[in-house]
Amino acid sequence: MKGTGSTFKKLVFVGEYMHSVGRYIVAQGRADAVPRIGATVFDKYGRRLGVVTDVFGPVRSPFLTLKGNKAQQYFARGSDLLGKVSR
């Protein structure tokens, strides 16, 4: 897997597992690293876990819903993050 190493170096921490609701996972996100809907999420080793299906809640403390495999922490590519939010 030639591209895995370079992808792993560019991953940004985007949230932590909170709980599951049906087949979805809810994670507490970070205000400074919000992934776009449809972004692929990875574990801390760079393995693909699933995709972001929704971002909701307050701007300062967003929540993410994910469809895929459970992990304690979630990471995304820097290119899959939303830009700065104006307040």
N, C-alpha and C. Protein backbone atom coordinates (compact mmCIF):
# COMPACT_ATOMS: atom_id res chain seq x y z
N MET A 1 0.84 -1.17 0.00
CA MET A 1 0.00 0.00 0.00
C MET A 1 0.89 1.24 0.00
N LYS A 2 1.24 1.67 -1.15
CA LYS A 2 2.19 2.76 -1.30
C LYS A 2 1.71 4.07 -0.70
N GLY A 3 0.42 4.44 -0.88
CA GLY A 3 -0.07 5.74 -0.45
C GLY A 3 -0.42 5.83 1.03
N THR A 4 -0.49 4.73 1.74
CA THR A 4 -0.91 4.75 3.14
C THR A 4 0.00 5.59 4.02
N GLY A 5 1.30 5.51 3.86
CA GLY A 5 2.23 6.27 4.68
C GLY A 5 2.06 7.76 4.53
N SER A 6 1.91 8.23 3.30
CA SER A 6 1.76 9.66 3.09
C SER A 6 0.40 10.16 3.59
N THR A 7 -0.65 9.36 3.45
CA THR A 7 -1.97 9.73 3.96
C THR A 7 -1.93 9.81 5.48
N PHE A 8 -1.28 8.84 6.12
CA PHE A 8 -1.22 8.79 7.57
C PHE A 8 -0.58 10.04 8.16
N LYS A 9 0.46 10.56 7.52
CA LYS A 9 1.15 11.76 8.00
C LYS A 9 0.27 13.00 7.91
N LYS A 10 -0.71 13.01 7.03
CA LYS A 10 -1.56 14.18 6.82
C LYS A 10 -2.89 14.09 7.57
N LEU A 11 -3.07 13.09 8.41
CA LEU A 11 -4.32 12.94 9.14
C LEU A 11 -4.39 13.90 10.31
N VAL A 12 -5.60 14.41 10.55
CA VAL A 12 -5.86 15.37 11.62
C VAL A 12 -6.90 14.77 12.56
N PHE A 13 -6.67 14.88 13.85
CA PHE A 13 -7.62 14.39 14.85
C PHE A 13 -8.91 15.21 14.75
N VAL A 14 -10.06 14.54 14.57
CA VAL A 14 -11.33 15.26 14.42
C VAL A 14 -12.36 14.94 15.49
N GLY A 15 -12.17 13.87 16.28
CA GLY A 15 -13.16 13.59 17.31
C GLY A 15 -12.93 12.29 18.04
N GLU A 16 -13.72 12.14 19.14
CA GLU A 16 -13.65 10.95 19.98
C GLU A 16 -15.02 10.28 20.06
N TYR A 17 -15.00 8.98 20.15
CA TYR A 17 -16.22 8.18 20.27
C TYR A 17 -17.02 8.59 21.50
N MET A 18 -18.34 8.74 21.34
CA MET A 18 -19.24 8.99 22.48
C MET A 18 -20.16 7.79 22.69
N HIS A 19 -20.98 7.47 21.66
CA HIS A 19 -21.88 6.32 21.74
C HIS A 19 -22.41 5.96 20.36
N SER A 20 -23.09 4.84 20.30
CA SER A 20 -23.69 4.37 19.06
C SER A 20 -25.20 4.54 19.14
N VAL A 21 -25.80 4.85 17.98
CA VAL A 21 -27.25 4.96 17.87
C VAL A 21 -27.64 4.15 16.63
N GLY A 22 -28.19 2.98 16.86
CA GLY A 22 -28.49 2.11 15.73
C GLY A 22 -27.21 1.73 15.02
N ARG A 23 -27.15 1.98 13.73
CA ARG A 23 -25.93 1.66 12.98
C ARG A 23 -25.01 2.86 12.80
N TYR A 24 -25.29 3.93 13.52
CA TYR A 24 -24.47 5.14 13.45
C TYR A 24 -23.65 5.33 14.71
N ILE A 25 -22.53 6.01 14.58
CA ILE A 25 -21.65 6.32 15.70
C ILE A 25 -21.70 7.83 15.91
N VAL A 26 -21.81 8.26 17.16
CA VAL A 26 -21.77 9.69 17.48
C VAL A 26 -20.42 9.98 18.12
N ALA A 27 -19.74 11.00 17.62
CA ALA A 27 -18.43 11.39 18.14
C ALA A 27 -18.45 12.86 18.52
N GLN A 28 -17.73 13.21 19.59
CA GLN A 28 -17.55 14.61 19.98
C GLN A 28 -16.46 15.17 19.09
N GLY A 29 -16.79 16.18 18.30
CA GLY A 29 -15.83 16.76 17.37
C GLY A 29 -15.05 17.91 17.97
N ARG A 30 -14.22 18.51 17.14
CA ARG A 30 -13.41 19.66 17.52
C ARG A 30 -13.81 20.85 16.68
N ALA A 31 -13.90 22.02 17.27
CA ALA A 31 -14.29 23.22 16.53
C ALA A 31 -13.25 23.63 15.50
N ASP A 32 -11.99 23.32 15.75
CA ASP A 32 -10.92 23.73 14.84
C ASP A 32 -10.59 22.69 13.78
N ALA A 33 -11.28 21.55 13.79
CA ALA A 33 -11.02 20.50 12.80
C ALA A 33 -12.33 19.76 12.50
N VAL A 34 -13.21 20.39 11.73
CA VAL A 34 -14.51 19.80 11.41
C VAL A 34 -14.45 19.20 10.00
N PRO A 35 -14.65 17.89 9.88
CA PRO A 35 -14.63 17.27 8.55
C PRO A 35 -15.93 17.56 7.80
N ARG A 36 -15.85 17.59 6.49
CA ARG A 36 -17.05 17.80 5.68
C ARG A 36 -17.86 16.51 5.66
N ILE A 37 -19.15 16.63 5.37
CA ILE A 37 -20.01 15.46 5.25
C ILE A 37 -19.53 14.65 4.04
N GLY A 38 -19.40 13.36 4.23
CA GLY A 38 -18.89 12.48 3.19
C GLY A 38 -17.40 12.21 3.29
N ALA A 39 -16.72 12.88 4.21
CA ALA A 39 -15.27 12.68 4.38
C ALA A 39 -15.00 11.30 4.96
N THR A 40 -13.94 10.68 4.53
CA THR A 40 -13.52 9.39 5.06
C THR A 40 -12.82 9.62 6.39
N VAL A 41 -13.12 8.77 7.38
CA VAL A 41 -12.46 8.84 8.67
C VAL A 41 -11.58 7.61 8.85
N PHE A 42 -10.51 7.80 9.61
CA PHE A 42 -9.50 6.77 9.83
C PHE A 42 -9.24 6.60 11.32
N ASP A 43 -8.60 5.49 11.69
CA ASP A 43 -8.17 5.32 13.08
C ASP A 43 -6.76 5.91 13.20
N LYS A 44 -6.16 5.80 14.38
CA LYS A 44 -4.85 6.42 14.61
C LYS A 44 -3.73 5.73 13.83
N TYR A 45 -4.00 4.57 13.25
CA TYR A 45 -3.01 3.87 12.44
C TYR A 45 -3.18 4.12 10.94
N GLY A 46 -4.17 4.93 10.58
CA GLY A 46 -4.40 5.24 9.18
C GLY A 46 -5.31 4.26 8.47
N ARG A 47 -5.97 3.36 9.20
CA ARG A 47 -6.90 2.41 8.58
C ARG A 47 -8.26 3.07 8.41
N ARG A 48 -8.87 2.88 7.26
CA ARG A 48 -10.18 3.47 6.96
C ARG A 48 -11.25 2.85 7.85
N LEU A 49 -12.05 3.72 8.50
CA LEU A 49 -13.11 3.25 9.38
C LEU A 49 -14.50 3.46 8.79
N GLY A 50 -14.70 4.55 8.06
CA GLY A 50 -16.03 4.84 7.54
C GLY A 50 -16.10 6.26 7.01
N VAL A 51 -17.32 6.83 7.03
CA VAL A 51 -17.54 8.19 6.50
C VAL A 51 -18.37 9.02 7.47
N VAL A 52 -18.20 10.34 7.37
CA VAL A 52 -18.99 11.28 8.15
C VAL A 52 -20.34 11.43 7.47
N THR A 53 -21.43 11.24 8.22
CA THR A 53 -22.77 11.36 7.63
C THR A 53 -23.47 12.65 8.04
N ASP A 54 -23.03 13.27 9.15
CA ASP A 54 -23.64 14.53 9.57
C ASP A 54 -22.74 15.24 10.56
N VAL A 55 -22.87 16.56 10.60
CA VAL A 55 -22.19 17.40 11.58
C VAL A 55 -23.29 18.28 12.17
N PHE A 56 -23.41 18.28 13.50
CA PHE A 56 -24.50 19.04 14.13
C PHE A 56 -24.08 19.55 15.50
N GLY A 57 -24.91 20.40 16.08
CA GLY A 57 -24.66 20.93 17.41
C GLY A 57 -24.01 22.31 17.35
N PRO A 58 -23.53 22.79 18.50
CA PRO A 58 -22.95 24.13 18.56
C PRO A 58 -21.62 24.22 17.81
N VAL A 59 -21.35 25.39 17.28
CA VAL A 59 -20.13 25.61 16.50
C VAL A 59 -18.89 25.36 17.35
N ARG A 60 -18.92 25.75 18.59
CA ARG A 60 -17.75 25.60 19.47
C ARG A 60 -17.51 24.17 19.93
N SER A 61 -18.51 23.32 19.81
CA SER A 61 -18.39 21.95 20.27
C SER A 61 -19.27 21.04 19.41
N PRO A 62 -18.90 20.83 18.13
CA PRO A 62 -19.76 20.07 17.22
C PRO A 62 -19.75 18.57 17.51
N PHE A 63 -20.78 17.91 17.04
CA PHE A 63 -20.88 16.45 17.10
C PHE A 63 -20.84 15.92 15.67
N LEU A 64 -20.33 14.71 15.51
CA LEU A 64 -20.25 14.06 14.20
C LEU A 64 -21.03 12.77 14.27
N THR A 65 -21.75 12.45 13.22
CA THR A 65 -22.29 11.10 13.11
C THR A 65 -21.51 10.42 12.00
N LEU A 66 -21.15 9.18 12.26
CA LEU A 66 -20.31 8.41 11.36
C LEU A 66 -21.00 7.09 11.05
N LYS A 67 -20.75 6.59 9.88
CA LYS A 67 -21.24 5.27 9.50
C LYS A 67 -20.00 4.44 9.19
N GLY A 68 -19.81 3.39 9.97
CA GLY A 68 -18.63 2.57 9.77
C GLY A 68 -18.26 1.84 11.04
N ASN A 69 -16.98 1.62 11.24
CA ASN A 69 -16.48 0.87 12.38
C ASN A 69 -16.16 1.77 13.56
N LYS A 70 -16.36 1.24 14.75
CA LYS A 70 -16.11 1.98 15.99
C LYS A 70 -14.61 2.03 16.31
N ALA A 71 -14.18 3.19 16.82
CA ALA A 71 -12.81 3.37 17.32
C ALA A 71 -12.88 4.42 18.42
N GLN A 72 -11.85 4.52 19.23
CA GLN A 72 -11.84 5.50 20.30
C GLN A 72 -11.62 6.92 19.77
N GLN A 73 -10.76 7.05 18.75
CA GLN A 73 -10.46 8.36 18.16
C GLN A 73 -10.62 8.27 16.64
N TYR A 74 -10.99 9.42 16.06
CA TYR A 74 -11.20 9.49 14.61
C TYR A 74 -10.32 10.58 14.02
N PHE A 75 -9.81 10.29 12.83
CA PHE A 75 -8.93 11.21 12.12
C PHE A 75 -9.44 11.36 10.69
N ALA A 76 -9.13 12.49 10.07
CA ALA A 76 -9.49 12.73 8.66
C ALA A 76 -8.34 13.42 7.97
N ARG A 77 -8.35 13.38 6.65
CA ARG A 77 -7.33 14.09 5.88
C ARG A 77 -7.52 15.60 6.06
N GLY A 78 -6.44 16.33 6.08
CA GLY A 78 -6.50 17.79 6.19
C GLY A 78 -7.30 18.41 5.06
N SER A 79 -7.27 17.80 3.90
CA SER A 79 -7.99 18.32 2.73
C SER A 79 -9.50 18.11 2.84
N ASP A 80 -9.95 17.26 3.79
CA ASP A 80 -11.37 16.99 3.99
C ASP A 80 -12.01 17.83 5.09
N LEU A 81 -11.25 18.80 5.62
CA LEU A 81 -11.78 19.66 6.70
C LEU A 81 -12.46 20.87 6.12
N LEU A 82 -13.46 21.37 6.85
CA LEU A 82 -14.13 22.61 6.47
C LEU A 82 -13.20 23.78 6.82
N GLY A 83 -13.41 24.90 6.16
CA GLY A 83 -12.60 26.09 6.45
C GLY A 83 -12.98 26.70 7.78
N LYS A 84 -12.34 27.79 8.12
CA LYS A 84 -12.61 28.51 9.37
C LYS A 84 -14.05 29.03 9.35
N VAL A 85 -14.72 28.98 10.51
CA VAL A 85 -16.09 29.46 10.64
C VAL A 85 -16.04 30.85 11.22
N SER A 86 -16.71 31.81 10.59
CA SER A 86 -16.78 33.18 11.12
C SER A 86 -17.82 33.24 12.23
N ARG A 87 -17.53 34.00 13.25
CA ARG A 87 -18.48 34.15 14.37
C ARG A 87 -18.90 35.58 14.50
